[in-house]
Structures are given as C-alpha cells and as structure tokens.
Amino acid sequence: MNIPAAINTTSVLLYALLSTIYKSAQVLHSRPTRCTPASTKVVDPEWRPDVDVIVPCFNENPATLRACLTSIAKQEYAGVLNVYVIDDGSSNRDALGAVYRDYEEDPRFNFILLPKNVGKRKAQIAAIRSSYGELILNVDSDTTLAHDVVKNLVLKMRDRSIGAAMGQLTASNRKQSWLTRLIDMEYWLACNEERAAQGRFGAVMCCCGPCAIYRRSALLRLLDKYETQFFRGKQSDFGEDRHLTILMLTAGYRTEYVPNAIAATVVPDKLIPYLRQQLRWARSTYRDTLLSLRLLPHLNGFLTLDTLAQNVGSLLLAISVISGLAQFVMTATIPWPACITIASMTFVRSTVAAIRARQLRFFGFSAHTLINLFLLLPVKAYALCTLGNSDWLSRGEALNSSHDKSVYPSSESPEKYTAGETHSTSRSEITGNKCLPSTCVTSGNEYYTE
C-alpha cells in the first residue's frame, strides 16, 4: 500500500470511530426527557418578568423587517413586553421609515436611530443600556417568531441559574432553492441534536443570535467584556452570540435550548453568500473554542467529546480528503474504502435524522456531505489561516423596496442625520428616557444621537 493510501485509510477510520462515538452520544443525550430535574433556584411559577426585545437593523429589506416586528407584536405573553429597534445607520432609512410608522401608535415599540453604522454588537449594547426589562430577548431583523416564543423562553428562564437560552431555528425561505432546503435541515440537526445534547448539561456553547434570551443581571456583569472583545490586538465585531454564550458559561451560568420556541430566519439562497457566512462563523468558532477550553474541566465530559469531535474530526476528514486526492493523482486509483465509509456514515446519519424528524426529506441531506468535503473544509482551513481577519464579509447594498430580495448589507458610510432632526412618533414609555452616553434628541419613541 502506498503512503497516500495508508494515510487516507488510517485518517478515515479514525474519523469514523470518533464520529460514531460522538454522534451516538449526541443522539442519546438530545432525546427529549419527560421531566426536568428539580432546581432549587426556580422562582414563582407565576413569574411574569418585563421582557425587552432588541432588534438590531442595518439596511434590512422593509418587508422582512415588517414581518419580524409583526411577529413580535403578536406575542402571546401576559407580562410587560417592550421592543427596541436599533437602526444601525441604515442607508435605506427612508424606506424603513414606513415600517417604523406602522408601529408609531404602539407604546411598546421604541426606535433608536444611530447616525452611522457601528456594528451589530454596539447596536445591541445601545439598546441594552436604554432599556430596563429583567430579561432581554435578541431577535435578528430577518427573523420571525412563533406566537408563543417569548412565553416559552420565559418559562425556561424561571431557573435563576440560567443566564441565557435559545429557541429552535428554521429557514423562513426554505423553499426558495436547493441550498435553502439543505440549510433548513442543517439548522434542524444543529438545534435538535447538537444544541439539545449540550443543553442536557446546561452548556449550550452558542445561543444563536436570531432568537436568544438573556438575564439582564447576568448580562450587565459581562457587558464590558462583551463590548471589548479583542483577538490578536484587533477588536472582534462578529460572532457576538457565541462569545456572549461563552462569557455566560465562564461566569457560572447555565445556557439552555428551548425546542418549542420556534423562530424562522432568512438564510442565504446562493452558494457564495453561504460560504462567506460559513467563513465568518468558522473564525468565530475557532476563536471562542480557545476561550472555552478552560471551561471544559468544569463541564460534563460530553462537552469535551463535543469540542474534540468538532475540531479533531474536521482535521481527520480534511487529511482523508487531501490524501485521497493525492492517491488518485499519484496512482490513478480511487480510495474506495474511504468513499464507502463516508457514504455509509452519511446514509446512517440521514436515516436517523429522517426517523427522528419523521420527515423523508432528510434523506436528501446526504447532498450536504459533498458541500462539506469540497467547500466547507477548505473554508474552515482558510478561516484557521486568517483568524485575525475581522471583516464581516456579508454586507451589500441596502434595499429600498419591499419587493426586492433579501441581500447582505453594505459597509458604505450611511446617511447621517443632522443634530436636532426629529420625526413624529408616539410618546415614549421608557423610564427616564435613557439613551446612549452622547448628545441625544428624543421625539416620541425615536432616539437620535450626534
């Protein structure tokens, strides 16, 4: 046997062994339980805390944003609900203004209009410091919530040991293309296998940004660290959801997954935007994996297996692909053992997912293996080599029409508003008219900063 063939066979067998152990444990731990272990930190069952919903918005499609805000307005929650929409210097603010005016008579809605783009993380912090609710729910502007999301997330947060929790994500544009169908299945697996298994031990490693709720008292303790994340001397502006989750775990809080809090988000419908998104996520994952390593000794052993399998598994698979290609080039032979092993594992995983989800479409998820092998693995390798790069990578032109398709926002300088400019809206119900620590002009529910 030649050297490439030996390396290929060894690496793929090691990958198969590690993956089989990991996926079996993951499926076992992600199975729903009939009862939840009793906690001494559960508050009154009738607890109805004030909830602040924060919606950062930059160059969003007006129709998409309207759907998002409508779903929030229709939440069936008995407690106090306030909504803070942060326009992060959108260049299509005139078009978005029509959406804002739809909610000017609703006292729950408040708008923070930043004069220039400062990034999602700082936009979130602007709203956090301008609000007062006991719980803070972050919702992406391209996400729509089921009617009971807030209620179900609040039920989970009754346990005071929990600092953050996330809902189940689906693709709202699932039927748009073959890629969106695959991503929707990928989300199902990520939520109902990976996050559900991590949640069994109170350690979801990333409470995803489209729908994640936080306890304000815990968040305020971590806000300075969250705002000033640096990597290799450069400020990090993406991966805010994963970093904040790791900070919560580091501070001793539990992080949980709530499968019945369902949120639908817009996903990339074309391959290039999808790969850019995956590159950004891969950089964030690798950066925060380094931070999370010190946590592992204090967590259940499954979390160590989870971290090991996701990182070492990708490395073994990459070695298998490279050595397989080398074998083909050098000997003109196909590495059939590796091909059969990977195909068999793909079939088993798709079958298990189809049975658990009770949907035959998951057999089609087998096609994702080819994307993973020949596109995502190179993207992850490039991410490792460029960890110091903090470019967002997915910002395109703003949308001014509700009939346009969703795109990725642009990094161009947004239009600035002059000091003292106001627009008519309903009266603000915010206690104390809190604002950013800069000159501020308020008019109704809108906030303008110089």
Protein backbone atom coordinates (compact mmCIF):
# COMPACT_ATOMS: atom_id res chain seq x y z
CA MET A 1 0.00 0.00 0.00
CA ASN A 2 1.41 3.42 -0.95
CA ILE A 3 1.81 6.23 1.57
CA PRO A 4 -1.21 8.36 0.44
CA ALA A 5 -3.46 5.30 0.55
CA ALA A 6 -2.21 4.36 4.03
CA ILE A 7 -2.76 7.89 5.34
CA ASN A 8 -6.19 8.02 3.70
CA THR A 9 -7.34 4.72 5.19
CA THR A 10 -5.99 5.50 8.66
CA SER A 11 -7.45 9.00 8.83
CA VAL A 12 -10.89 7.99 7.57
CA LEU A 13 -11.09 5.06 10.02
CA LEU A 14 -10.10 7.31 12.92
CA TYR A 15 -12.69 9.85 11.75
CA ALA A 16 -15.34 7.14 11.51
CA LEU A 17 -14.56 5.90 15.03
CA LEU A 18 -14.59 9.37 16.58
CA SER A 19 -17.71 10.42 14.68
CA THR A 20 -19.59 7.23 15.57
CA ILE A 21 -18.87 7.65 19.29
CA TYR A 22 -19.75 11.36 19.19
CA LYS A 23 -22.92 11.10 17.12
CA SER A 24 -24.19 8.15 19.16
CA ALA A 25 -23.68 10.09 22.40
CA GLN A 26 -25.21 13.18 20.82
CA VAL A 27 -28.37 11.37 19.73
CA LEU A 28 -28.65 9.72 23.15
CA HIS A 29 -28.33 13.00 25.07
CA SER A 30 -30.51 15.01 22.67
CA ARG A 31 -33.54 12.80 23.19
CA PRO A 32 -36.35 14.72 24.90
CA THR A 33 -36.95 13.89 28.55
CA ARG A 34 -40.36 13.58 30.16
CA CYS A 35 -39.35 15.50 33.24
CA THR A 36 -36.87 18.24 34.09
CA PRO A 37 -34.59 17.81 37.12
CA ALA A 38 -35.78 19.91 40.03
CA SER A 39 -33.85 23.11 40.66
CA THR A 40 -33.60 24.96 43.94
CA LYS A 41 -33.29 28.23 42.00
CA VAL A 42 -36.70 28.19 40.28
CA VAL A 43 -38.75 31.27 41.08
CA ASP A 44 -42.52 31.60 41.43
CA PRO A 45 -44.35 29.61 38.69
CA GLU A 46 -46.46 32.73 38.07
CA TRP A 47 -43.33 34.83 37.43
CA ARG A 48 -44.00 37.30 34.59
CA PRO A 49 -40.89 39.47 34.22
CA ASP A 50 -40.63 42.51 31.97
CA VAL A 51 -39.08 41.44 28.68
CA ASP A 52 -37.20 43.80 26.36
CA VAL A 53 -36.99 42.61 22.75
CA ILE A 54 -33.97 44.06 20.95
CA VAL A 55 -33.93 44.11 17.14
CA PRO A 56 -30.71 45.42 15.55
CA CYS A 57 -31.36 46.53 11.97
CA PHE A 58 -28.97 47.56 9.20
CA ASN A 59 -30.10 48.01 5.57
CA GLU A 60 -32.81 45.39 6.07
CA ASN A 61 -35.45 44.61 3.49
CA PRO A 62 -38.51 46.65 4.63
CA ALA A 63 -40.87 43.72 4.03
CA THR A 64 -38.61 41.40 6.03
CA LEU A 65 -38.39 43.86 8.92
CA ARG A 66 -42.16 44.38 8.89
CA ALA A 67 -42.71 40.61 9.17
CA CYS A 68 -40.25 40.49 12.07
CA LEU A 69 -41.93 43.31 14.01
CA THR A 70 -45.41 41.95 13.30
CA SER A 71 -44.45 38.58 14.78
CA ILE A 72 -43.13 40.34 17.89
CA ALA A 73 -46.25 42.48 18.23
CA LYS A 74 -48.41 39.32 18.18
CA GLN A 75 -46.61 37.57 21.03
CA GLU A 76 -48.94 35.89 23.50
CA TYR A 77 -47.21 36.96 26.67
CA ALA A 78 -49.03 38.04 29.83
CA GLY A 79 -46.15 40.15 31.16
CA VAL A 80 -44.81 43.54 30.04
CA LEU A 81 -43.17 43.46 26.62
CA ASN A 82 -41.15 46.37 25.21
CA VAL A 83 -39.48 46.40 21.81
CA TYR A 84 -36.33 48.33 20.88
CA VAL A 85 -35.49 48.57 17.19
CA ILE A 86 -31.94 49.88 16.63
CA ASP A 87 -31.43 51.30 13.15
CA ASP A 88 -27.66 50.99 12.83
CA GLY A 89 -27.17 53.83 10.34
CA SER A 90 -29.13 52.19 7.52
CA SER A 91 -28.66 53.87 4.14
CA ASN A 92 -32.25 52.90 3.24
CA ARG A 93 -33.72 54.59 6.31
CA ASP A 94 -36.36 56.39 4.23
CA ALA A 95 -37.76 53.04 3.11
CA LEU A 96 -37.53 51.61 6.61
CA GLY A 97 -39.26 54.70 7.98
CA ALA A 98 -42.53 53.45 6.50
CA VAL A 99 -42.17 50.31 8.62
CA TYR A 100 -41.38 52.33 11.73
CA ARG A 101 -44.51 54.44 11.22
CA ASP A 102 -46.64 51.30 11.20
CA TYR A 103 -45.86 50.95 14.92
CA GLU A 104 -45.93 54.59 15.99
CA GLU A 105 -49.23 54.09 17.84
CA ASP A 106 -47.99 51.02 19.72
CA PRO A 107 -46.46 52.20 23.04
CA ARG A 108 -44.43 49.00 23.31
CA PHE A 109 -42.25 49.95 20.34
CA ASN A 110 -39.23 52.23 20.69
CA PHE A 111 -36.74 53.18 17.97
CA ILE A 112 -33.07 54.03 18.40
CA LEU A 113 -31.70 55.64 15.24
CA LEU A 114 -27.91 55.72 15.11
CA PRO A 115 -26.40 58.33 12.76
CA LYS A 116 -23.75 55.95 11.44
CA ASN A 117 -23.10 52.23 11.29
CA VAL A 118 -21.34 50.99 14.44
CA GLY A 119 -21.88 47.24 14.05
CA LYS A 120 -24.40 44.78 15.45
CA ARG A 121 -22.67 44.34 18.81
CA LYS A 122 -22.56 48.06 19.64
CA ALA A 123 -26.11 48.49 18.34
CA GLN A 124 -27.26 45.79 20.77
CA ILE A 125 -25.43 47.46 23.64
CA ALA A 126 -27.06 50.78 22.78
CA ALA A 127 -30.47 49.20 23.34
CA ILE A 128 -29.41 47.24 26.43
CA ARG A 129 -28.30 50.45 28.11
CA SER A 130 -31.50 52.21 27.05
CA SER A 131 -33.89 49.54 28.38
CA TYR A 132 -34.76 48.11 31.78
CA GLY A 133 -36.54 44.73 31.47
CA GLU A 134 -35.46 41.82 33.64
CA LEU A 135 -34.99 39.65 30.56
CA ILE A 136 -33.54 40.69 27.19
CA LEU A 137 -34.54 38.86 24.02
CA ASN A 138 -32.35 39.43 20.98
CA VAL A 139 -34.08 38.96 17.62
CA ASP A 140 -32.42 39.45 14.25
CA SER A 141 -34.26 41.79 11.89
CA ASP A 142 -34.73 38.99 9.32
CA THR A 143 -36.32 36.63 11.84
CA THR A 144 -40.00 35.96 12.57
CA LEU A 145 -41.17 34.42 15.84
CA ALA A 146 -43.92 31.93 16.51
CA HIS A 147 -46.68 33.44 18.66
CA ASP A 148 -45.53 31.71 21.87
CA VAL A 149 -41.74 32.20 21.68
CA VAL A 150 -41.50 34.79 24.48
CA LYS A 151 -43.79 32.77 26.75
CA ASN A 152 -41.80 29.56 26.26
CA LEU A 153 -38.42 31.22 26.71
CA VAL A 154 -39.59 32.95 29.91
CA LEU A 155 -40.74 29.59 31.30
CA LYS A 156 -37.20 28.26 30.87
CA MET A 157 -35.67 31.38 32.45
CA ARG A 158 -37.59 30.81 35.70
CA ASP A 159 -34.49 28.93 36.82
CA ARG A 160 -32.20 31.69 38.11
CA SER A 161 -29.10 29.58 37.39
CA ILE A 162 -29.78 30.02 33.67
CA GLY A 163 -28.12 33.07 32.12
CA ALA A 164 -29.18 32.53 28.51
CA ALA A 165 -31.39 30.33 26.35
CA MET A 166 -32.05 29.97 22.64
CA GLY A 167 -35.01 28.84 20.58
CA GLN A 168 -35.22 26.44 17.67
CA LEU A 169 -34.27 27.95 14.30
CA THR A 170 -35.76 27.19 10.91
CA ALA A 171 -35.27 28.73 7.46
CA SER A 172 -38.17 31.01 6.59
CA ASN A 173 -37.20 30.83 2.89
CA ARG A 174 -36.72 27.08 2.91
CA LYS A 175 -38.48 26.51 -0.42
CA GLN A 176 -36.51 29.18 -2.27
CA SER A 177 -33.69 26.95 -3.59
CA TRP A 178 -31.94 23.62 -3.14
CA LEU A 179 -29.44 25.35 -0.87
CA THR A 180 -32.06 26.81 1.47
CA ARG A 181 -33.61 23.35 1.80
CA LEU A 182 -30.25 21.92 2.84
CA ILE A 183 -29.62 24.79 5.28
CA ASP A 184 -33.04 24.27 6.87
CA MET A 185 -32.17 20.62 7.52
CA GLU A 186 -28.74 21.69 8.77
CA TYR A 187 -30.45 24.03 11.26
CA TRP A 188 -32.75 21.24 12.45
CA LEU A 189 -29.78 18.99 13.12
CA ALA A 190 -27.77 21.77 14.77
CA CYS A 191 -30.67 22.62 17.08
CA ASN A 192 -32.25 19.25 17.82
CA GLU A 193 -29.07 17.21 18.03
CA GLU A 194 -26.09 19.44 18.85
CA ARG A 195 -27.76 22.18 20.96
CA ALA A 196 -30.23 19.76 22.54
CA ALA A 197 -27.40 17.45 23.67
CA GLN A 198 -25.37 20.38 25.02
CA GLY A 199 -28.46 21.72 26.75
CA ARG A 200 -28.90 18.44 28.62
CA PHE A 201 -25.88 19.54 30.66
CA GLY A 202 -26.77 23.24 30.80
CA ALA A 203 -23.94 24.21 28.46
CA VAL A 204 -25.20 25.21 25.01
CA MET A 205 -21.98 26.54 23.50
CA CYS A 206 -23.66 29.10 21.24
CA CYS A 207 -27.07 30.66 21.88
CA CYS A 208 -27.71 31.71 18.29
CA GLY A 209 -28.32 35.41 17.62
CA PRO A 210 -31.63 35.19 15.71
CA CYS A 211 -33.51 34.18 18.87
CA ALA A 212 -31.68 34.22 22.21
CA ILE A 213 -32.84 35.46 25.61
CA TYR A 214 -30.57 36.73 28.40
CA ARG A 215 -30.94 37.57 32.07
CA ARG A 216 -30.18 41.27 32.46
CA SER A 217 -28.44 40.89 35.82
CA ALA A 218 -26.02 38.38 34.27
CA LEU A 219 -25.61 40.35 31.06
CA LEU A 220 -24.70 43.59 32.83
CA ARG A 221 -21.86 41.83 34.63
CA LEU A 222 -20.40 40.79 31.28
CA LEU A 223 -21.22 43.81 29.14
CA ASP A 224 -17.78 45.41 29.26
CA LYS A 225 -16.04 42.17 28.28
CA TYR A 226 -18.62 41.61 25.56
CA GLU A 227 -18.15 45.09 24.13
CA THR A 228 -14.35 44.98 24.13
CA GLN A 229 -13.55 41.56 22.69
CA PHE A 230 -10.12 41.55 21.04
CA PHE A 231 -8.25 38.91 19.10
CA ARG A 232 -4.57 39.37 18.30
CA GLY A 233 -4.82 43.04 19.17
CA LYS A 234 -7.80 43.71 16.88
CA GLN A 235 -11.36 44.30 18.02
CA SER A 236 -13.70 41.48 17.04
CA ASP A 237 -17.03 42.56 15.57
CA PHE A 238 -18.65 39.25 14.63
CA GLY A 239 -19.52 36.03 16.43
CA GLU A 240 -21.20 38.05 19.15
CA ASP A 241 -23.68 35.29 20.02
CA ARG A 242 -21.04 32.60 20.56
CA HIS A 243 -18.75 34.93 22.51
CA LEU A 244 -21.54 36.11 24.81
CA THR A 245 -22.57 32.49 25.44
CA ILE A 246 -19.02 31.54 26.40
CA LEU A 247 -18.86 34.54 28.73
CA MET A 248 -22.10 33.37 30.39
CA LEU A 249 -20.68 29.90 30.95
CA THR A 250 -17.41 31.33 32.24
CA ALA A 251 -19.37 33.41 34.78
CA GLY A 252 -21.00 30.23 36.09
CA TYR A 253 -24.42 30.50 34.44
CA ARG A 254 -26.21 27.71 32.59
CA THR A 255 -27.17 28.11 28.93
CA GLU A 256 -30.15 26.19 27.60
CA TYR A 257 -32.04 25.17 24.45
CA VAL A 258 -35.83 25.56 24.18
CA PRO A 259 -37.14 23.49 21.23
CA ASN A 260 -40.71 24.81 21.41
CA ALA A 261 -39.60 28.44 20.97
CA ILE A 262 -39.52 28.39 17.17
CA ALA A 263 -38.04 31.23 15.12
CA ALA A 264 -37.75 31.34 11.32
CA THR A 265 -34.84 33.28 9.85
CA VAL A 266 -33.80 34.17 6.29
CA VAL A 267 -30.84 32.06 5.11
CA PRO A 268 -28.55 32.51 2.08
CA ASP A 269 -30.11 31.23 -1.12
CA LYS A 270 -26.88 31.30 -3.14
CA LEU A 271 -23.62 29.46 -2.61
CA ILE A 272 -21.15 32.39 -2.42
CA PRO A 273 -23.04 34.29 0.34
CA TYR A 274 -23.45 30.98 2.19
CA LEU A 275 -19.70 30.29 2.08
CA ARG A 276 -18.94 33.82 3.27
CA GLN A 277 -21.29 33.30 6.19
CA GLN A 278 -19.63 29.97 7.00
CA LEU A 279 -16.18 31.59 6.87
CA ARG A 280 -17.26 34.23 9.39
CA TRP A 281 -18.82 31.60 11.64
CA ALA A 282 -15.75 29.35 11.40
CA ARG A 283 -13.45 32.16 12.51
CA SER A 284 -15.76 32.92 15.43
CA THR A 285 -15.94 29.24 16.41
CA TYR A 286 -12.17 28.76 16.39
CA ARG A 287 -11.56 31.97 18.34
CA ASP A 288 -14.03 31.13 21.08
CA THR A 289 -13.03 27.47 21.17
CA LEU A 290 -9.70 28.65 22.53
CA LEU A 291 -11.58 30.60 25.22
CA SER A 292 -13.87 27.67 26.03
CA LEU A 293 -11.05 25.14 26.60
CA ARG A 294 -10.58 26.33 30.18
CA LEU A 295 -14.28 25.66 30.80
CA LEU A 296 -14.23 22.00 29.81
CA PRO A 297 -12.81 20.59 33.08
CA HIS A 298 -15.79 22.12 34.89
CA LEU A 299 -18.40 20.75 32.47
CA ASN A 300 -19.76 17.29 31.76
CA GLY A 301 -17.39 15.00 29.86
CA PHE A 302 -19.73 15.04 26.86
CA LEU A 303 -18.79 18.69 26.23
CA THR A 304 -15.13 17.68 25.96
CA LEU A 305 -16.11 14.97 23.46
CA ASP A 306 -18.23 17.56 21.61
CA THR A 307 -15.33 20.02 21.30
CA LEU A 308 -12.87 17.28 20.38
CA ALA A 309 -15.10 15.73 17.72
CA GLN A 310 -15.97 19.02 16.06
CA ASN A 311 -12.36 20.16 15.77
CA VAL A 312 -10.26 16.98 15.51
CA GLY A 313 -12.98 15.35 13.40
CA SER A 314 -12.75 18.11 10.80
CA LEU A 315 -8.96 17.76 10.78
CA LEU A 316 -9.11 13.98 10.21
CA LEU A 317 -11.67 14.40 7.46
CA ALA A 318 -9.54 17.04 5.77
CA ILE A 319 -6.48 14.75 5.91
CA SER A 320 -8.56 11.97 4.41
CA VAL A 321 -9.71 14.15 1.50
CA ILE A 322 -6.21 15.50 0.77
CA SER A 323 -4.58 12.07 0.93
CA GLY A 324 -7.36 10.60 -1.19
CA LEU A 325 -6.78 13.21 -3.88
CA ALA A 326 -3.03 12.56 -3.67
CA GLN A 327 -3.65 8.84 -4.07
CA PHE A 328 -5.77 9.45 -7.16
CA VAL A 329 -3.19 11.77 -8.74
CA MET A 330 -0.17 9.58 -7.94
CA THR A 331 -1.59 6.11 -8.60
CA ALA A 332 -4.72 6.76 -10.68
CA THR A 333 -6.71 4.69 -8.17
CA ILE A 334 -9.85 5.72 -6.33
CA PRO A 335 -9.75 5.46 -2.49
CA TRP A 336 -12.79 3.22 -2.38
CA PRO A 337 -12.55 2.29 1.34
CA ALA A 338 -12.74 5.98 2.29
CA CYS A 339 -15.55 6.66 -0.18
CA ILE A 340 -17.60 3.70 1.06
CA THR A 341 -17.00 4.60 4.72
CA ILE A 342 -18.06 8.24 4.28
CA ALA A 343 -21.08 7.26 2.14
CA SER A 344 -22.19 4.72 4.74
CA MET A 345 -21.88 7.22 7.58
CA THR A 346 -23.82 9.81 5.57
CA PHE A 347 -26.63 7.33 4.90
CA VAL A 348 -26.86 6.32 8.56
CA ARG A 349 -26.95 9.92 9.75
CA SER A 350 -29.60 10.90 7.19
CA THR A 351 -31.69 7.85 8.13
CA VAL A 352 -31.51 8.64 11.86
CA ALA A 353 -32.47 12.28 11.17
CA ALA A 354 -35.38 11.23 8.95
CA ILE A 355 -36.68 8.90 11.65
CA ARG A 356 -36.28 11.44 14.47
CA ALA A 357 -37.80 14.32 12.48
CA ARG A 358 -40.36 12.00 10.88
CA GLN A 359 -39.65 13.63 7.53
CA LEU A 360 -38.36 11.76 4.47
CA ARG A 361 -36.74 14.93 3.13
CA PHE A 362 -33.80 14.35 5.45
CA PHE A 363 -32.56 11.62 3.13
CA GLY A 364 -31.74 14.49 0.79
CA PHE A 365 -29.36 15.89 3.39
CA SER A 366 -26.83 13.40 2.04
CA ALA A 367 -26.01 16.03 -0.60
CA HIS A 368 -24.61 18.23 2.16
CA THR A 369 -21.71 15.80 2.54
CA LEU A 370 -20.31 16.86 -0.84
CA ILE A 371 -20.58 20.53 0.16
CA ASN A 372 -18.83 19.76 3.42
CA LEU A 373 -15.99 17.79 1.81
CA PHE A 374 -15.14 20.05 -1.09
CA LEU A 375 -16.33 23.51 0.02
CA LEU A 376 -16.72 23.82 3.79
CA LEU A 377 -13.49 22.04 4.71
CA PRO A 378 -11.41 24.43 2.55
CA VAL A 379 -13.36 27.34 4.07
CA LYS A 380 -12.55 26.12 7.58
CA ALA A 381 -8.87 25.74 6.66
CA TYR A 382 -8.83 29.28 5.30
CA ALA A 383 -10.59 30.51 8.46
CA LEU A 384 -7.82 28.99 10.59
CA CYS A 385 -5.18 30.73 8.49
CA THR A 386 -6.97 34.10 8.72
CA LEU A 387 -8.24 34.16 12.30
CA GLY A 388 -7.03 37.74 12.73
CA ASN A 389 -9.34 38.99 9.97
CA SER A 390 -12.47 40.59 11.43
CA ASP A 391 -14.21 41.58 8.18
CA TRP A 392 -17.95 40.93 8.28
CA LEU A 393 -17.82 39.64 4.66
CA SER A 394 -21.55 39.78 4.02
CA ARG A 395 -22.52 43.41 3.62
CA GLY A 396 -24.09 44.51 0.35
CA GLU A 397 -26.42 47.24 -0.88
CA ALA A 398 -29.45 48.34 1.09
CA LEU A 399 -32.95 47.52 -0.08
CA ASN A 400 -35.42 50.33 -0.64
CA SER A 401 -38.32 48.30 -1.92
CA SER A 402 -40.34 45.70 -0.12
CA HIS A 403 -40.44 43.72 -3.37
CA ASP A 404 -36.67 43.26 -3.58
CA LYS A 405 -35.00 40.07 -2.49
CA SER A 406 -33.02 39.89 0.74
CA VAL A 407 -29.35 40.75 0.33
CA TYR A 408 -26.36 41.26 2.55
CA PRO A 409 -25.84 44.82 3.77
CA SER A 410 -23.14 47.23 2.68
CA SER A 411 -20.22 48.69 4.59
CA GLU A 412 -20.57 52.03 2.85
CA SER A 413 -20.99 55.05 5.10
CA PRO A 414 -24.69 55.52 5.92
CA GLU A 415 -26.55 58.77 5.59
CA LYS A 416 -26.12 60.96 8.65
CA TYR A 417 -28.91 62.89 10.34
CA THR A 418 -28.30 66.43 11.49
CA ALA A 419 -28.47 67.23 15.18
CA GLY A 420 -31.94 68.00 16.42
CA GLU A 421 -33.75 66.40 13.48
CA THR A 422 -37.00 64.82 14.63
CA HIS A 423 -39.85 62.76 13.23
CA SER A 424 -43.30 62.36 14.70
CA THR A 425 -43.97 59.14 16.56
CA SER A 426 -45.97 58.04 19.56
CA ARG A 427 -44.96 59.01 23.07
CA SER A 428 -42.15 57.12 24.70
CA GLU A 429 -42.87 54.90 27.67
CA ILE A 430 -39.22 54.43 28.57
CA THR A 431 -38.46 55.22 32.17
CA GLY A 432 -36.12 58.16 32.39
CA ASN A 433 -35.70 58.50 28.62
CA LYS A 434 -32.43 56.58 28.76
CA CYS A 435 -30.10 56.95 25.82
CA LEU A 436 -26.57 56.45 24.59
CA PRO A 437 -23.90 58.36 26.51
CA SER A 438 -23.73 61.09 23.86
CA THR A 439 -25.80 64.12 22.94
CA CYS A 440 -29.31 62.83 22.41
CA VAL A 441 -32.50 64.27 21.00
CA THR A 442 -35.68 62.33 21.69
CA SER A 443 -39.00 62.60 19.97
CA GLY A 444 -41.64 60.10 20.97
CA ASN A 445 -40.29 56.58 20.64
CA GLU A 446 -37.32 57.55 18.44
CA TYR A 447 -33.80 58.26 19.61
CA TYR A 448 -31.20 60.24 17.69
CA THR A 449 -27.57 60.60 18.64
CA GLU A 450 -24.97 63.02 17.42
